[in-house]
Each structure stands twice: as structure tokens, then as C-alpha cells.
PDB file of N, CA and C in Angstrom:
ATOM      1  N   MET A   1       0.818  -1.191   0.000  1.00  0.00           N
ATOM      2  CA  MET A   1       0.000   0.000   0.000  1.00  0.00           C
ATOM      3  C   MET A   1       0.858   1.248   0.000  1.00  0.00           C
ATOM      4  N   GLY A   2       1.949   1.215   0.747  1.00  0.00           N
ATOM      5  CA  GLY A   2       2.813   2.381   0.824  1.00  0.00           C
ATOM      6  C   GLY A   2       3.513   2.669  -0.492  1.00  0.00           C
ATOM      7  N   ILE A   3       3.921   1.604  -1.180  1.00  0.00           N
ATOM      8  CA  ILE A   3       4.582   1.801  -2.473  1.00  0.00           C
ATOM      9  C   ILE A   3       3.594   2.383  -3.470  1.00  0.00           C
ATOM     10  N   VAL A   4       2.362   1.900  -3.464  1.00  0.00           N
ATOM     11  CA  VAL A   4       1.332   2.447  -4.351  1.00  0.00           C
ATOM     12  C   VAL A   4       1.079   3.911  -4.019  1.00  0.00           C
ATOM     13  N   PHE A   5       1.013   4.242  -2.729  1.00  0.00           N
ATOM     14  CA  PHE A   5       0.826   5.627  -2.301  1.00  0.00           C
ATOM     15  C   PHE A   5       1.949   6.507  -2.822  1.00  0.00           C
ATOM     16  N   SER A   6       3.196   6.052  -2.661  1.00  0.00           N
ATOM     17  CA  SER A   6       4.319   6.876  -3.086  1.00  0.00           C
ATOM     18  C   SER A   6       4.362   7.034  -4.601  1.00  0.00           C
ATOM     19  N   ILE A   7       3.956   6.013  -5.329  1.00  0.00           N
ATOM     20  CA  ILE A   7       3.947   6.123  -6.790  1.00  0.00           C
ATOM     21  C   ILE A   7       2.849   7.072  -7.250  1.00  0.00           C
ATOM     22  N   LEU A   8       1.635   6.906  -6.704  1.00  0.00           N
ATOM     23  CA  LEU A   8       0.508   7.722  -7.163  1.00  0.00           C
ATOM     24  C   LEU A   8       0.599   9.188  -6.755  1.00  0.00           C
ATOM     25  N   PHE A   9       1.033   9.435  -5.526  1.00  0.00           N
ATOM     26  CA  PHE A   9       0.958  10.795  -5.003  1.00  0.00           C
ATOM     27  C   PHE A   9       2.292  11.538  -4.965  1.00  0.00           C
ATOM     28  N   ILE A  10       3.396  10.833  -5.203  1.00  0.00           N
ATOM     29  CA  ILE A  10       4.683  11.522  -5.196  1.00  0.00           C
ATOM     30  C   ILE A  10       5.397  11.352  -6.536  1.00  0.00           C
ATOM     31  N   ALA A  11       5.605  10.114  -6.971  1.00  0.00           N
ATOM     32  CA  ALA A  11       6.419   9.867  -8.157  1.00  0.00           C
ATOM     33  C   ALA A  11       5.749  10.352  -9.446  1.00  0.00           C
ATOM     34  N   LEU A  12       4.478  10.030  -9.643  1.00  0.00           N
ATOM     35  CA  LEU A  12       3.805  10.453 -10.881  1.00  0.00           C
ATOM     36  C   LEU A  12       3.658  11.972 -10.996  1.00  0.00           C
ATOM     37  N   PRO A  13       3.246  12.678  -9.928  1.00  0.00           N
ATOM     38  CA  PRO A  13       3.222  14.141 -10.053  1.00  0.00           C
ATOM     39  C   PRO A  13       4.604  14.742 -10.308  1.00  0.00           C
ATOM     40  N   MET A  14       5.637  14.191  -9.676  1.00  0.00           N
ATOM     41  CA  MET A  14       6.991  14.679  -9.929  1.00  0.00           C
ATOM     42  C   MET A  14       7.409  14.405 -11.367  1.00  0.00           C
ATOM     43  N   ALA A  15       7.037  13.244 -11.883  1.00  0.00           N
ATOM     44  CA  ALA A  15       7.346  12.941 -13.285  1.00  0.00           C
ATOM     45  C   ALA A  15       6.630  13.917 -14.208  1.00  0.00           C
ATOM     46  N   GLY A  16       5.396  14.278 -13.870  1.00  0.00           N
ATOM     47  CA  GLY A  16       4.672  15.271 -14.673  1.00  0.00           C
ATOM     48  C   GLY A  16       5.345  16.628 -14.641  1.00  0.00           C
ATOM     49  N   VAL A  17       5.804  17.030 -13.455  1.00  0.00           N
ATOM     50  CA  VAL A  17       6.510  18.319 -13.339  1.00  0.00           C
ATOM     51  C   VAL A  17       7.788  18.290 -14.161  1.00  0.00           C
ATOM     52  N   LEU A  18       8.548  17.206 -14.058  1.00  0.00           N
ATOM     53  CA  LEU A  18       9.781  17.097 -14.841  1.00  0.00           C
ATOM     54  C   LEU A  18       9.500  17.095 -16.340  1.00  0.00           C
ATOM     55  N   PHE A  19       8.430  16.432 -16.757  1.00  0.00           N
ATOM     56  CA  PHE A  19       8.065  16.414 -18.173  1.00  0.00           C
ATOM     57  C   PHE A  19       7.713  17.810 -18.664  1.00  0.00           C
ATOM     58  N   ILE A  20       6.924  18.530 -17.888  1.00  0.00           N
ATOM     59  CA  ILE A  20       6.538  19.891 -18.287  1.00  0.00           C
ATOM     60  C   ILE A  20       7.763  20.803 -18.329  1.00  0.00           C
ATOM     61  N   LEU A  21       8.627  20.688 -17.330  1.00  0.00           N
ATOM     62  CA  LEU A  21       9.842  21.518 -17.322  1.00  0.00           C
ATOM     63  C   LEU A  21      10.742  21.196 -18.503  1.00  0.00           C
ATOM     64  N   GLY A  22      10.832  19.921 -18.854  1.00  0.00           N
ATOM     65  CA  GLY A  22      11.658  19.535 -20.004  1.00  0.00           C
ATOM     66  C   GLY A  22      11.020  19.900 -21.330  1.00  0.00           C
ATOM     67  N   ALA A  23       9.699  19.759 -21.421  1.00  0.00           N
ATOM     68  CA  ALA A  23       9.010  20.037 -22.685  1.00  0.00           C
ATOM     69  C   ALA A  23       9.034  21.521 -23.030  1.00  0.00           C
ATOM     70  N   PHE A  24       8.897  22.376 -22.035  1.00  0.00           N
ATOM     71  CA  PHE A  24       8.881  23.814 -22.287  1.00  0.00           C
ATOM     72  C   PHE A  24      10.255  24.458 -22.076  1.00  0.00           C
ATOM     73  N   ASP A  25      11.281  23.633 -21.842  1.00  0.00           N
ATOM     74  CA  ASP A  25      12.660  24.094 -21.680  1.00  0.00           C
ATOM     75  C   ASP A  25      12.765  25.198 -20.631  1.00  0.00           C
ATOM     76  N   ILE A  26      12.137  24.943 -19.500  1.00  0.00           N
ATOM     77  CA  ILE A  26      12.198  25.887 -18.383  1.00  0.00           C
ATOM     78  C   ILE A  26      13.449  25.555 -17.579  1.00  0.00           C
ATOM     79  N   GLY A  27      14.289  26.520 -17.331  1.00  0.00           N
ATOM     80  CA  GLY A  27      15.576  26.291 -16.689  1.00  0.00           C
ATOM     81  C   GLY A  27      15.542  26.397 -15.183  1.00  0.00           C
ATOM     82  N   TRP A  28      14.613  25.757 -14.541  1.00  0.00           N
ATOM     83  CA  TRP A  28      14.539  25.784 -13.083  1.00  0.00           C
ATOM     84  C   TRP A  28      15.549  24.812 -12.489  1.00  0.00           C
ATOM     85  N   THR A  29      16.115  25.189 -11.374  1.00  0.00           N
ATOM     86  CA  THR A  29      16.941  24.236 -10.635  1.00  0.00           C
ATOM     87  C   THR A  29      16.010  23.369  -9.802  1.00  0.00           C
ATOM     88  N   LEU A  30      16.321  22.109  -9.721  1.00  0.00           N
ATOM     89  CA  LEU A  30      15.406  21.159  -9.094  1.00  0.00           C
ATOM     90  C   LEU A  30      16.023  20.431  -7.903  1.00  0.00           C
ATOM     91  N   PRO A  31      16.657  21.126  -6.963  1.00  0.00           N
ATOM     92  CA  PRO A  31      17.187  20.403  -5.801  1.00  0.00           C
ATOM     93  C   PRO A  31      16.095  19.993  -4.814  1.00  0.00           C
ATOM     94  N   TRP A  32      14.883  20.515  -4.963  1.00  0.00           N
ATOM     95  CA  TRP A  32      13.797  20.214  -4.034  1.00  0.00           C
ATOM     96  C   TRP A  32      13.103  18.902  -4.354  1.00  0.00           C
ATOM     97  N   ILE A  33      13.412  18.306  -5.502  1.00  0.00           N
ATOM     98  CA  ILE A  33      12.799  17.017  -5.858  1.00  0.00           C
ATOM     99  C   ILE A  33      13.497  15.920  -5.049  1.00  0.00           C
ATOM    100  N   PRO A  34      12.728  15.115  -4.299  1.00  0.00           N
ATOM    101  CA  PRO A  34      13.354  14.069  -3.471  1.00  0.00           C
ATOM    102  C   PRO A  34      13.945  12.958  -4.333  1.00  0.00           C
ATOM    103  N   SER A  35      14.904  12.274  -3.778  1.00  0.00           N
ATOM    104  CA  SER A  35      15.531  11.155  -4.486  1.00  0.00           C
ATOM    105  C   SER A  35      14.613   9.928  -4.436  1.00  0.00           C
ATOM    106  N   MET A  36      14.897   8.966  -5.288  1.00  0.00           N
ATOM    107  CA  MET A  36      14.065   7.761  -5.355  1.00  0.00           C
ATOM    108  C   MET A  36      14.071   6.973  -4.034  1.00  0.00           C
ATOM    109  N   PRO A  37      15.217   6.785  -3.375  1.00  0.00           N
ATOM    110  CA  PRO A  37      15.162   6.075  -2.081  1.00  0.00           C
ATOM    111  C   PRO A  37      14.315   6.811  -1.044  1.00  0.00           C
ATOM    112  N   LEU A  38      14.351   8.131  -1.061  1.00  0.00           N
ATOM    113  CA  LEU A  38      13.531   8.893  -0.118  1.00  0.00           C
ATOM    114  C   LEU A  38      12.047   8.728  -0.433  1.00  0.00           C
ATOM    115  N   ILE A  39      11.688   8.736  -1.708  1.00  0.00           N
ATOM    116  CA  ILE A  39      10.287   8.538  -2.104  1.00  0.00           C
ATOM    117  C   ILE A  39       9.804   7.153  -1.662  1.00  0.00           C
ATOM    118  N   MET A  40      10.619   6.129  -1.887  1.00  0.00           N
ATOM    119  CA  MET A  40      10.227   4.771  -1.514  1.00  0.00           C
ATOM    120  C   MET A  40      10.160   4.619   0.006  1.00  0.00           C
ATOM    121  N   THR A  41      11.052   5.273   0.735  1.00  0.00           N
ATOM    122  CA  THR A  41      11.034   5.199   2.191  1.00  0.00           C
ATOM    123  C   THR A  41       9.781   5.864   2.756  1.00  0.00           C
ATOM    124  N   VAL A  42       9.453   7.032   2.239  1.00  0.00           N
ATOM    125  CA  VAL A  42       8.245   7.723   2.691  1.00  0.00           C
ATOM    126  C   VAL A  42       7.008   6.888   2.378  1.00  0.00           C
ATOM    127  N   GLY A  43       6.971   6.282   1.202  1.00  0.00           N
ATOM    128  CA  GLY A  43       5.848   5.428   0.839  1.00  0.00           C
ATOM    129  C   GLY A  43       5.738   4.204   1.721  1.00  0.00           C
ATOM    130  N   ALA A  44       6.880   3.600   2.056  1.00  0.00           N
ATOM    131  CA  ALA A  44       6.862   2.417   2.926  1.00  0.00           C
ATOM    132  C   ALA A  44       6.401   2.783   4.335  1.00  0.00           C
ATOM    133  N   ILE A  45       6.854   3.915   4.834  1.00  0.00           N
ATOM    134  CA  ILE A  45       6.432   4.347   6.170  1.00  0.00           C
ATOM    135  C   ILE A  45       4.939   4.676   6.177  1.00  0.00           C
ATOM    136  N   ALA A  46       4.460   5.360   5.135  1.00  0.00           N
ATOM    137  CA  ALA A  46       3.028   5.683   5.061  1.00  0.00           C
ATOM    138  C   ALA A  46       2.189   4.408   4.981  1.00  0.00           C
ATOM    139  N   GLY A  47       2.640   3.431   4.205  1.00  0.00           N
ATOM    140  CA  GLY A  47       1.917   2.166   4.108  1.00  0.00           C
ATOM    141  C   GLY A  47       1.919   1.394   5.412  1.00  0.00           C
ATOM    142  N   ALA A  48       3.045   1.412   6.118  1.00  0.00           N
ATOM    143  CA  ALA A  48       3.120   0.714   7.406  1.00  0.00           C
ATOM    144  C   ALA A  48       2.212   1.359   8.435  1.00  0.00           C
ATOM    145  N   VAL A  49       2.157   2.680   8.458  1.00  0.00           N
ATOM    146  CA  VAL A  49       1.275   3.383   9.400  1.00  0.00           C
ATOM    147  C   VAL A  49      -0.186   3.087   9.076  1.00  0.00           C
ATOM    148  N   PHE A  50      -0.529   3.092   7.790  1.00  0.00           N
ATOM    149  CA  PHE A  50      -1.901   2.796   7.364  1.00  0.00           C
ATOM    150  C   PHE A  50      -2.282   1.367   7.734  1.00  0.00           C
ATOM    151  N   ALA A  51      -1.389   0.407   7.476  1.00  0.00           N
ATOM    152  CA  ALA A  51      -1.673  -0.991   7.809  1.00  0.00           C
ATOM    153  C   ALA A  51      -1.788  -1.184   9.319  1.00  0.00           C
ATOM    154  N   ALA A  52      -0.932  -0.526  10.085  1.00  0.00           N
ATOM    155  CA  ALA A  52      -1.000  -0.644  11.548  1.00  0.00           C
ATOM    156  C   ALA A  52      -2.302  -0.052  12.082  1.00  0.00           C
ATOM    157  N   ALA A  53      -2.720   1.075  11.512  1.00  0.00           N
ATOM    158  CA  ALA A  53      -3.979   1.685  11.947  1.00  0.00           C
ATOM    159  C   ALA A  53      -5.163   0.766  11.651  1.00  0.00           C
ATOM    160  N   LEU A  54      -5.169   0.144  10.467  1.00  0.00           N
ATOM    161  CA  LEU A  54      -6.253  -0.789  10.144  1.00  0.00           C
ATOM    162  C   LEU A  54      -6.219  -2.014  11.056  1.00  0.00           C
ATOM    163  N   PHE A  55      -5.030  -2.509  11.360  1.00  0.00           N
ATOM    164  CA  PHE A  55      -4.910  -3.670  12.242  1.00  0.00           C
ATOM    165  C   PHE A  55      -5.438  -3.354  13.637  1.00  0.00           C
ATOM    166  N   ILE A  56      -5.041  -2.209  14.166  1.00  0.00           N
ATOM    167  CA  ILE A  56      -5.497  -1.816  15.506  1.00  0.00           C
ATOM    168  C   ILE A  56      -7.000  -1.592  15.508  1.00  0.00           C
ATOM    169  N   LYS A  57      -7.530  -0.965  14.470  1.00  0.00           N
ATOM    170  CA  LYS A  57      -8.975  -0.737  14.390  1.00  0.00           C
ATOM    171  C   LYS A  57      -9.723  -2.070  14.356  1.00  0.00           C
ATOM    172  N   ASP A  58      -9.242  -3.029  13.580  1.00  0.00           N
ATOM    173  CA  ASP A  58      -9.917  -4.320  13.485  1.00  0.00           C
ATOM    174  C   ASP A  58      -9.819  -5.128  14.766  1.00  0.00           C
ATOM    175  N   ARG A  59      -8.789  -4.905  15.562  1.00  0.00           N
ATOM    176  CA  ARG A  59      -8.673  -5.611  16.838  1.00  0.00           C
ATOM    177  C   ARG A  59      -9.696  -5.113  17.843  1.00  0.00           C
ATOM    178  N   TYR A  60      -9.973  -3.826  17.833  1.00  0.00           N
ATOM    179  CA  TYR A  60     -10.876  -3.251  18.830  1.00  0.00           C
ATOM    180  C   TYR A  60     -12.297  -3.028  18.305  1.00  0.00           C
ATOM    181  N   ILE A  61     -12.456  -2.865  17.014  1.00  0.00           N
ATOM    182  CA  ILE A  61     -13.779  -2.689  16.414  1.00  0.00           C
ATOM    183  C   ILE A  61     -13.898  -3.700  15.276  1.00  0.00           C
ATOM    184  N   PRO A  62     -14.244  -4.946  15.565  1.00  0.00           N
ATOM    185  CA  PRO A  62     -14.316  -5.954  14.498  1.00  0.00           C
ATOM    186  C   PRO A  62     -15.487  -5.680  13.558  1.00  0.00           C
ATOM    187  N   TYR A  63     -15.296  -6.071  12.324  1.00  0.00           N
ATOM    188  CA  TYR A  63     -16.342  -5.912  11.326  1.00  0.00           C
ATOM    189  C   TYR A  63     -17.336  -7.053  11.473  1.00  0.00           C
ATOM    190  N   VAL A  64     -18.583  -6.716  11.748  1.00  0.00           N
ATOM    191  CA  VAL A  64     -19.637  -7.717  11.883  1.00  0.00           C
ATOM    192  C   VAL A  64     -20.763  -7.313  10.951  1.00  0.00           C
ATOM    193  N   GLU A  65     -21.099  -8.214  10.074  1.00  0.00           N
ATOM    194  CA  GLU A  65     -22.159  -7.925   9.111  1.00  0.00           C
ATOM    195  C   GLU A  65     -23.490  -8.442   9.641  1.00  0.00           C
ATOM    196  N   GLU A  66     -24.515  -7.639   9.479  1.00  0.00           N
ATOM    197  CA  GLU A  66     -25.853  -8.041   9.899  1.00  0.00           C
ATOM    198  C   GLU A  66     -26.385  -9.093   8.922  1.00  0.00           C
ATOM    199  N   VAL A  67     -26.833 -10.210   9.466  1.00  0.00           N
ATOM    200  CA  VAL A  67     -27.372 -11.285   8.646  1.00  0.00           C
ATOM    201  C   VAL A  67     -28.856 -11.388   8.959  1.00  0.00           C
ATOM    202  N   PRO A  68     -29.708 -11.296   7.926  1.00  0.00           N
ATOM    203  CA  PRO A  68     -31.144 -11.386   8.202  1.00  0.00           C
ATOM    204  C   PRO A  68     -31.528 -12.787   8.686  1.00  0.00           C
ATOM    205  N   ASP A  69     -32.504 -12.834   9.565  1.00  0.00           N
ATOM    206  CA  ASP A  69     -32.972 -14.092  10.114  1.00  0.00           C
ATOM    207  C   ASP A  69     -34.144 -14.559   9.258  1.00  0.00           C
ATOM    208  N   PHE A  70     -33.893 -15.610   8.475  1.00  0.00           N
ATOM    209  CA  PHE A  70     -34.917 -16.089   7.554  1.00  0.00           C
ATOM    210  C   PHE A  70     -35.944 -16.981   8.246  1.00  0.00           C
ATOM    211  N   GLU A  71     -35.682 -17.413   9.445  1.00  0.00           N
ATOM    212  CA  GLU A  71     -36.607 -18.297  10.132  1.00  0.00           C
ATOM    213  C   GLU A  71     -37.814 -17.550  10.676  1.00  0.00           C
ATOM    214  N   GLU A  72     -37.723 -16.261  10.804  1.00  0.00           N
ATOM    215  CA  GLU A  72     -38.843 -15.493  11.326  1.00  0.00           C
ATOM    216  C   GLU A  72     -39.994 -15.385  10.329  1.00  0.00           C
ATOM    217  N   GLU A  73     -39.733 -15.591   9.054  1.00  0.00           N
ATOM    218  CA  GLU A  73     -40.771 -15.440   8.040  1.00  0.00           C
ATOM    219  C   GLU A  73     -41.798 -16.560   8.089  1.00  0.00           C
ATOM    220  N   GLY A  74     -41.431 -17.685   8.632  1.00  0.00           N
ATOM    221  CA  GLY A  74     -42.374 -18.784   8.749  1.00  0.00           C
ATOM    222  C   GLY A  74     -42.418 -19.693   7.539  1.00  0.00           C
ATOM    223  N   ASP A  75     -41.589 -19.460   6.556  1.00  0.00           N
ATOM    224  CA  ASP A  75     -41.550 -20.344   5.389  1.00  0.00           C
ATOM    225  C   ASP A  75     -40.742 -21.584   5.732  1.00  0.00           C
ATOM    226  N   ASP A  76     -41.359 -22.736   5.496  1.00  0.00           N
ATOM    227  CA  ASP A  76     -40.679 -23.983   5.799  1.00  0.00           C
ATOM    228  C   ASP A  76     -40.260 -24.619   4.492  1.00  0.00           C
ATOM    229  N   PHE A  77     -38.965 -24.595   4.222  1.00  0.00           N
ATOM    230  CA  PHE A  77     -38.454 -25.153   2.974  1.00  0.00           C
ATOM    231  C   PHE A  77     -37.879 -26.547   3.179  1.00  0.00           C
ATOM    232  N   SER A  78     -37.995 -27.089   4.367  1.00  0.00           N
ATOM    233  CA  SER A  78     -37.418 -28.408   4.631  1.00  0.00           C
ATOM    234  C   SER A  78     -38.243 -29.517   3.967  1.00  0.00           C
ATOM    235  N   ASN A  79     -39.512 -29.298   3.723  1.00  0.00           N
ATOM    236  CA  ASN A  79     -40.370 -30.308   3.098  1.00  0.00           C
ATOM    237  C   ASN A  79     -40.790 -29.839   1.717  1.00  0.00           C
ATOM    238  N   ASP A  80     -39.798 -29.638   0.869  1.00  0.00           N
ATOM    239  CA  ASP A  80     -40.103 -29.150  -0.496  1.00  0.00           C
ATOM    240  C   ASP A  80     -40.655 -30.264  -1.384  1.00  0.00           C
ATOM    241  N   ARG A  81     -40.414 -31.514  -1.051  1.00  0.00           N
ATOM    242  CA  ARG A  81     -40.909 -32.607  -1.891  1.00  0.00           C
ATOM    243  C   ARG A  81     -42.409 -32.773  -1.663  1.00  0.00           C
ATOM    244  N   ARG A  82     -43.088 -32.878  -2.731  1.00  0.00           N
ATOM    245  CA  ARG A  82     -44.541 -33.090  -2.640  1.00  0.00           C
ATOM    246  C   ARG A  82     -44.848 -34.525  -3.015  1.00  0.00           C
ATOM    247  N   ASP A  83     -45.881 -35.057  -2.418  1.00  0.00           N
ATOM    248  CA  ASP A  83     -46.296 -36.409  -2.752  1.00  0.00           C
ATOM    249  C   ASP A  83     -46.876 -36.414  -4.152  1.00  0.00           C
ATOM    250  N   ARG A  84     -46.445 -37.348  -4.941  1.00  0.00           N
ATOM    251  CA  ARG A  84     -46.938 -37.427  -6.328  1.00  0.00           C
ATOM    252  C   ARG A  84     -47.792 -38.619  -6.540  1.00  0.00           C
TER     253      ARG A  84
END
């Protein structure tokens, strides 16, 4: 999850900025662009925090789905065979 986060929200926008700067020959200095190991590290940390938060939430607030009770309707499907 963290790698996907870093690719979608950091690497792709940075690639777009670099493409625009290169396409229009804009001579900006780019020391503010993070290096690839830094991008991957930030993504891994963000993914680990997200996974830990989901794990802790599921431990204390488990997901329970409401299941309708079909026996209250009074339909008896156990004797579906009819005498012929």
C-alpha cells in the first residue's frame, strides 16, 4: 500500500513536473525534488502506518455484518418434496 501511495501521489506528479519543465525548456533548478530512495522510504512508512492503523482498528472494532434471520418469516423449505 505504501509503495502504491508513493507512486501515485509523489512519483507520478513529480514525473509530470519534470516532463513539463523539459518540454517547455524551463531552466529551473530542481534540488527540491526528493531522491528515489527517499520517495520509496516515505511510501513504505506511510503504508506501514496505514496498515498498523487498520490492524489496531480491526482488533478493537471488528467488522460484523448483519445477517437477516430467515426463520422469522415462517416459510418452511425443509419439506419441499410433494407427494406425487
